[in-house]
Amino acid sequence: MMSFDIVGEITEVETFAVGGSIRELPRLRKIYGQGRWRKRKGFTKVRLASDGSVREVELHWYEATGLGRFEFKIKRYLD
């Protein structure tokens, strides 16, 4: 698991899966609770814990209304 801190604003946010089309939905509901779950992506800058460098990345995460954002994951580096 990669550790990082988000240091910039997340831009170009896009929802690409909602509700039943999310494969991890039963696990998300069990861990975090009921909600209108979405899988989203966007672009931002992150500071990597491994060496402190700042990189621009495509970021994916799960989000539910009233619960917040969970399980951020770097999908690819843009620089």
Protein backbone atom coordinates (compact mmCIF):
# COMPACT_ATOMS: atom_id res chain seq x y z
CA MET A 1 0.00 0.00 0.00
CA MET A 2 1.43 3.33 -1.04
CA SER A 3 1.30 6.20 1.46
CA PHE A 4 0.79 9.76 0.28
CA ASP A 5 -0.75 13.11 1.21
CA ILE A 6 -2.94 15.10 -1.15
CA VAL A 7 -1.35 18.55 -1.46
CA GLY A 8 -3.42 20.10 -4.24
CA GLU A 9 -7.05 20.56 -5.15
CA ILE A 10 -8.65 17.59 -6.92
CA THR A 11 -9.71 18.73 -10.39
CA GLU A 12 -11.69 17.25 -13.28
CA VAL A 13 -13.66 15.04 -10.87
CA GLU A 14 -15.68 12.39 -12.69
CA THR A 15 -18.03 9.66 -11.46
CA PHE A 16 -17.58 6.42 -13.39
CA ALA A 17 -19.53 3.90 -11.29
CA VAL A 18 -22.63 4.24 -9.09
CA GLY A 19 -24.40 1.85 -6.72
CA GLY A 20 -24.69 -1.72 -7.98
CA SER A 21 -22.10 -1.23 -10.71
CA ILE A 22 -19.40 -0.96 -8.01
CA ARG A 23 -17.89 -4.42 -7.48
CA GLU A 24 -16.81 -3.58 -3.92
CA LEU A 25 -20.25 -2.31 -2.82
CA PRO A 26 -21.04 -5.03 -0.21
CA ARG A 27 -17.60 -4.55 1.41
CA LEU A 28 -17.95 -0.74 1.44
CA ARG A 29 -21.39 -0.94 3.05
CA LYS A 30 -20.14 -3.38 5.67
CA ILE A 31 -17.10 -1.27 6.64
CA TYR A 32 -18.37 2.32 6.22
CA GLY A 33 -22.19 2.04 6.20
CA GLN A 34 -25.13 2.58 3.90
CA GLY A 35 -25.12 5.48 1.49
CA ARG A 36 -25.30 6.40 -2.17
CA TRP A 37 -21.89 5.03 -3.14
CA ARG A 38 -19.92 6.33 -6.13
CA LYS A 39 -16.53 5.44 -7.55
CA ARG A 40 -14.83 8.65 -8.66
CA LYS A 41 -11.63 9.85 -10.24
CA GLY A 42 -9.78 13.13 -10.57
CA PHE A 43 -6.37 14.72 -10.92
CA THR A 44 -4.24 16.29 -8.19
CA LYS A 45 -0.74 16.61 -6.74
CA VAL A 46 0.39 14.30 -3.96
CA ARG A 47 3.42 14.14 -1.67
CA LEU A 48 4.81 10.61 -1.54
CA ALA A 49 5.74 9.35 1.93
CA SER A 50 8.60 7.26 0.55
CA ASP A 51 10.80 10.17 -0.58
CA GLY A 52 8.78 13.37 -0.05
CA SER A 53 8.57 14.13 -3.76
CA VAL A 54 5.50 15.87 -5.16
CA ARG A 55 3.93 14.20 -8.21
CA GLU A 56 0.88 14.87 -10.35
CA VAL A 57 -1.40 11.83 -10.42
CA GLU A 58 -4.73 10.39 -11.46
CA LEU A 59 -6.50 9.49 -8.23
CA HIS A 60 -9.44 7.09 -7.68
CA TRP A 61 -11.61 6.84 -4.56
CA TYR A 62 -15.01 5.78 -3.21
CA GLU A 63 -17.45 8.39 -1.95
CA ALA A 64 -20.88 8.27 -0.28
CA THR A 65 -23.25 11.10 0.48
CA GLY A 66 -23.16 11.92 4.18
CA LEU A 67 -20.19 9.60 4.83
CA GLY A 68 -17.32 11.16 2.90
CA ARG A 69 -14.43 9.96 0.72
CA PHE A 70 -12.59 6.69 1.34
CA GLU A 71 -9.76 4.51 0.02
CA PHE A 72 -7.82 6.91 -2.18
CA LYS A 73 -5.60 5.13 -4.70
CA ILE A 74 -3.04 6.42 -7.20
CA LYS A 75 -3.92 4.95 -10.59
CA ARG A 76 -1.14 6.55 -12.63
CA TYR A 77 1.54 9.22 -12.53
CA LEU A 78 1.13 12.09 -15.00
CA ASP A 79 4.64 13.57 -14.84
